[in-house]
Amino acid sequence: MKALVYNGPGKKAIEERPKPEISAPTDAIVRLVKTTICCGTDLHILKGDVPTCTPGRILGHEGVGVVDEVGKRRLRVQARRRTRSMRPNS
């Protein structure tokens, strides 16, 4: 999958990254259909204003997608359902 990756202040790149895997029973993998590439938080990171953000961080976290896969304890999320994703992926 392609991802916008922070590589240091003022440096960003679209890079190929592996598809995420379910690692906890409450996980869900969402295939994004539409997303903002950068929001205000991402802009602060790109400028270098967030010292805790290290190079290699995947940016962008506000999107709409389809649930591809869910963990064994899938609370309210079901596979093949549309959803919105607002949580950062590290």
N, C-alpha and C. Protein backbone atom coordinates (compact mmCIF):
# COMPACT_ATOMS: atom_id res chain seq x y z
N MET A 1 0.84 -1.17 0.00
CA MET A 1 0.00 0.00 0.00
C MET A 1 0.88 1.23 0.00
N LYS A 2 0.37 2.33 -0.48
CA LYS A 2 1.12 3.58 -0.51
C LYS A 2 0.79 4.40 0.74
N ALA A 3 1.78 5.13 1.24
CA ALA A 3 1.58 5.94 2.43
C ALA A 3 2.40 7.22 2.32
N LEU A 4 1.87 8.30 2.91
CA LEU A 4 2.63 9.55 3.02
C LEU A 4 3.47 9.44 4.28
N VAL A 5 4.79 9.51 4.12
CA VAL A 5 5.71 9.25 5.23
C VAL A 5 6.53 10.51 5.54
N TYR A 6 6.60 10.84 6.84
CA TYR A 6 7.41 11.94 7.34
C TYR A 6 8.86 11.48 7.42
N ASN A 7 9.78 12.23 6.79
CA ASN A 7 11.20 11.87 6.79
C ASN A 7 12.08 12.95 7.41
N GLY A 8 11.49 13.80 8.26
CA GLY A 8 12.23 14.89 8.88
C GLY A 8 11.58 16.21 8.51
N PRO A 9 11.93 17.30 9.23
CA PRO A 9 11.31 18.60 8.96
C PRO A 9 11.40 19.00 7.48
N GLY A 10 10.23 19.25 6.89
CA GLY A 10 10.15 19.66 5.50
C GLY A 10 10.35 18.53 4.49
N LYS A 11 10.52 17.31 4.97
CA LYS A 11 10.77 16.18 4.07
C LYS A 11 9.63 15.15 4.18
N LYS A 12 9.02 14.84 3.05
CA LYS A 12 7.96 13.84 3.02
C LYS A 12 8.07 13.06 1.73
N ALA A 13 7.50 11.86 1.71
CA ALA A 13 7.56 11.04 0.50
C ALA A 13 6.38 10.07 0.49
N ILE A 14 5.92 9.74 -0.70
CA ILE A 14 4.94 8.67 -0.87
C ILE A 14 5.77 7.39 -0.99
N GLU A 15 5.56 6.45 -0.07
CA GLU A 15 6.34 5.22 -0.04
C GLU A 15 5.43 4.00 -0.03
N GLU A 16 5.96 2.91 -0.52
CA GLU A 16 5.24 1.64 -0.48
C GLU A 16 5.45 1.05 0.92
N ARG A 17 4.37 0.65 1.57
CA ARG A 17 4.43 0.05 2.91
C ARG A 17 3.64 -1.25 2.91
N PRO A 18 3.98 -2.20 3.79
CA PRO A 18 3.24 -3.46 3.85
C PRO A 18 1.83 -3.23 4.40
N LYS A 19 0.90 -4.09 3.98
CA LYS A 19 -0.46 -4.03 4.50
C LYS A 19 -0.42 -4.37 5.99
N PRO A 20 -1.16 -3.63 6.82
CA PRO A 20 -1.16 -3.93 8.26
C PRO A 20 -1.79 -5.30 8.53
N GLU A 21 -1.50 -5.84 9.70
CA GLU A 21 -2.05 -7.13 10.11
C GLU A 21 -2.80 -6.98 11.42
N ILE A 22 -3.78 -7.82 11.63
CA ILE A 22 -4.50 -7.85 12.90
C ILE A 22 -3.53 -8.36 13.96
N SER A 23 -3.35 -7.58 15.04
CA SER A 23 -2.44 -8.01 16.10
C SER A 23 -3.14 -8.13 17.45
N ALA A 24 -4.35 -7.61 17.55
CA ALA A 24 -5.13 -7.71 18.79
C ALA A 24 -6.57 -8.07 18.44
N PRO A 25 -7.29 -8.71 19.33
CA PRO A 25 -8.66 -9.13 19.03
C PRO A 25 -9.61 -7.97 18.72
N THR A 26 -9.27 -6.77 19.16
CA THR A 26 -10.15 -5.61 18.92
C THR A 26 -9.72 -4.78 17.71
N ASP A 27 -8.72 -5.23 16.95
CA ASP A 27 -8.24 -4.50 15.76
C ASP A 27 -9.21 -4.60 14.59
N ALA A 28 -9.13 -3.62 13.71
CA ALA A 28 -9.83 -3.65 12.43
C ALA A 28 -8.90 -3.02 11.40
N ILE A 29 -8.89 -3.55 10.19
CA ILE A 29 -8.11 -2.97 9.09
C ILE A 29 -9.10 -2.33 8.14
N VAL A 30 -8.91 -1.02 7.89
CA VAL A 30 -9.81 -0.25 7.03
C VAL A 30 -9.06 0.16 5.77
N ARG A 31 -9.58 -0.20 4.61
CA ARG A 31 -9.02 0.21 3.32
C ARG A 31 -9.61 1.58 3.00
N LEU A 32 -8.78 2.62 3.02
CA LEU A 32 -9.30 3.96 2.78
C LEU A 32 -9.68 4.17 1.33
N VAL A 33 -10.83 4.82 1.14
CA VAL A 33 -11.34 5.15 -0.19
C VAL A 33 -11.10 6.63 -0.47
N LYS A 34 -11.30 7.45 0.53
CA LYS A 34 -11.06 8.91 0.45
C LYS A 34 -10.36 9.33 1.74
N THR A 35 -9.44 10.26 1.61
CA THR A 35 -8.74 10.73 2.80
C THR A 35 -8.20 12.14 2.58
N THR A 36 -7.96 12.84 3.69
CA THR A 36 -7.18 14.07 3.60
C THR A 36 -5.74 13.63 3.69
N ILE A 37 -4.91 14.11 2.82
CA ILE A 37 -3.51 13.71 2.87
C ILE A 37 -2.83 14.40 4.05
N CYS A 38 -3.20 15.61 4.32
CA CYS A 38 -2.63 16.33 5.46
C CYS A 38 -3.71 17.15 6.15
N CYS A 39 -3.73 17.09 7.47
CA CYS A 39 -4.59 17.97 8.26
C CYS A 39 -3.66 18.91 9.03
N GLY A 40 -4.22 19.71 9.92
CA GLY A 40 -3.41 20.66 10.67
C GLY A 40 -2.31 20.00 11.48
N THR A 41 -2.64 18.87 12.10
CA THR A 41 -1.64 18.14 12.90
C THR A 41 -0.48 17.70 12.02
N ASP A 42 -0.80 17.15 10.85
CA ASP A 42 0.25 16.70 9.93
C ASP A 42 1.11 17.87 9.47
N LEU A 43 0.52 19.02 9.24
CA LEU A 43 1.29 20.19 8.82
C LEU A 43 2.28 20.62 9.89
N HIS A 44 1.88 20.55 11.17
CA HIS A 44 2.81 20.87 12.26
C HIS A 44 3.96 19.87 12.30
N ILE A 45 3.63 18.58 12.07
CA ILE A 45 4.68 17.56 12.04
C ILE A 45 5.65 17.84 10.91
N LEU A 46 5.12 18.09 9.70
CA LEU A 46 5.99 18.34 8.54
C LEU A 46 6.90 19.55 8.74
N LYS A 47 6.41 20.54 9.45
CA LYS A 47 7.19 21.75 9.70
C LYS A 47 8.31 21.49 10.73
N GLY A 48 8.17 20.39 11.50
CA GLY A 48 9.17 20.08 12.52
C GLY A 48 8.80 20.56 13.90
N ASP A 49 7.52 20.94 14.10
CA ASP A 49 7.07 21.47 15.38
C ASP A 49 6.72 20.40 16.41
N VAL A 50 6.79 19.12 16.04
CA VAL A 50 6.42 18.04 16.97
C VAL A 50 7.65 17.16 17.16
N PRO A 51 8.47 17.47 18.18
CA PRO A 51 9.73 16.75 18.36
C PRO A 51 9.57 15.26 18.66
N THR A 52 8.42 14.85 19.16
CA THR A 52 8.21 13.43 19.45
C THR A 52 7.92 12.61 18.20
N CYS A 53 7.67 13.28 17.09
CA CYS A 53 7.40 12.57 15.83
C CYS A 53 8.73 12.34 15.11
N THR A 54 9.10 11.10 14.96
CA THR A 54 10.38 10.75 14.36
C THR A 54 10.21 10.36 12.89
N PRO A 55 11.27 10.48 12.10
CA PRO A 55 11.19 10.07 10.70
C PRO A 55 10.70 8.63 10.56
N GLY A 56 9.90 8.42 9.52
CA GLY A 56 9.31 7.10 9.27
C GLY A 56 7.83 7.04 9.63
N ARG A 57 7.33 8.07 10.29
CA ARG A 57 5.93 8.12 10.71
C ARG A 57 5.02 8.26 9.50
N ILE A 58 3.95 7.45 9.45
CA ILE A 58 2.95 7.56 8.39
C ILE A 58 1.98 8.66 8.78
N LEU A 59 1.73 9.60 7.86
CA LEU A 59 0.83 10.72 8.13
C LEU A 59 -0.54 10.48 7.50
N GLY A 60 -1.51 11.28 7.96
CA GLY A 60 -2.87 11.19 7.45
C GLY A 60 -3.68 10.23 8.30
N HIS A 61 -4.83 10.68 8.78
CA HIS A 61 -5.63 9.82 9.63
C HIS A 61 -7.12 10.13 9.56
N GLU A 62 -7.53 11.02 8.71
CA GLU A 62 -8.94 11.36 8.58
C GLU A 62 -9.43 10.83 7.23
N GLY A 63 -10.23 9.79 7.27
CA GLY A 63 -10.66 9.22 6.00
C GLY A 63 -11.94 8.42 6.09
N VAL A 64 -12.39 7.99 4.93
CA VAL A 64 -13.58 7.14 4.80
C VAL A 64 -13.13 5.89 4.07
N GLY A 65 -13.57 4.73 4.53
CA GLY A 65 -13.12 3.51 3.88
C GLY A 65 -14.06 2.34 4.11
N VAL A 66 -13.56 1.17 3.76
CA VAL A 66 -14.31 -0.08 3.89
C VAL A 66 -13.50 -0.99 4.81
N VAL A 67 -14.17 -1.60 5.77
CA VAL A 67 -13.51 -2.52 6.68
C VAL A 67 -13.10 -3.77 5.91
N ASP A 68 -11.82 -4.04 5.85
CA ASP A 68 -11.32 -5.23 5.14
C ASP A 68 -11.30 -6.46 6.04
N GLU A 69 -10.91 -6.25 7.28
CA GLU A 69 -10.69 -7.38 8.17
C GLU A 69 -10.92 -6.93 9.61
N VAL A 70 -11.43 -7.82 10.45
CA VAL A 70 -11.65 -7.49 11.86
C VAL A 70 -11.06 -8.58 12.75
N GLY A 71 -10.70 -8.19 13.97
CA GLY A 71 -10.19 -9.16 14.94
C GLY A 71 -11.31 -10.04 15.47
N LYS A 72 -10.95 -10.97 16.31
CA LYS A 72 -11.94 -11.94 16.83
C LYS A 72 -12.97 -11.31 17.75
N ARG A 73 -12.63 -10.19 18.37
CA ARG A 73 -13.56 -9.52 19.28
C ARG A 73 -14.03 -8.22 18.63
N ARG A 74 -14.72 -8.31 17.56
CA ARG A 74 -15.04 -7.18 16.69
C ARG A 74 -16.20 -6.33 17.18
N LEU A 75 -16.33 -5.94 18.31
CA LEU A 75 -17.37 -5.10 18.90
C LEU A 75 -18.49 -4.67 17.93
N ARG A 76 -18.41 -3.48 17.33
CA ARG A 76 -19.49 -3.00 16.46
C ARG A 76 -19.07 -2.90 15.00
N VAL A 77 -17.90 -3.37 14.65
CA VAL A 77 -17.40 -3.23 13.29
C VAL A 77 -17.54 -4.56 12.55
N GLN A 78 -18.01 -4.48 11.31
CA GLN A 78 -18.17 -5.70 10.51
C GLN A 78 -17.40 -5.55 9.20
N ALA A 79 -16.85 -6.65 8.72
CA ALA A 79 -16.12 -6.64 7.45
C ALA A 79 -17.06 -6.24 6.31
N ARG A 80 -16.50 -5.57 5.31
CA ARG A 80 -17.17 -5.10 4.11
C ARG A 80 -18.17 -3.97 4.38
N ARG A 81 -18.12 -3.33 5.53
CA ARG A 81 -18.98 -2.19 5.85
C ARG A 81 -18.19 -0.90 5.70
N ARG A 82 -18.86 0.16 5.23
CA ARG A 82 -18.22 1.47 5.13
C ARG A 82 -18.09 2.07 6.53
N THR A 83 -17.02 2.83 6.71
CA THR A 83 -16.79 3.45 8.01
C THR A 83 -15.91 4.68 7.83
N ARG A 84 -15.73 5.45 8.87
CA ARG A 84 -14.78 6.57 8.84
C ARG A 84 -13.66 6.25 9.81
N SER A 85 -12.49 6.65 9.46
CA SER A 85 -11.31 6.39 10.27
C SER A 85 -10.74 7.72 10.73
N MET A 86 -10.61 7.91 12.04
CA MET A 86 -10.10 9.17 12.55
C MET A 86 -8.92 8.94 13.50
N ARG A 87 -8.44 7.72 13.58
CA ARG A 87 -7.38 7.42 14.52
C ARG A 87 -6.05 7.27 13.78
N PRO A 88 -4.99 7.91 14.28
CA PRO A 88 -3.71 7.81 13.60
C PRO A 88 -3.21 6.37 13.52
N ASN A 89 -2.50 6.08 12.44
CA ASN A 89 -1.85 4.79 12.27
C ASN A 89 -0.36 5.03 12.36
N SER A 90 0.28 4.33 13.24
CA SER A 90 1.73 4.56 13.36
C SER A 90 2.52 3.45 12.71
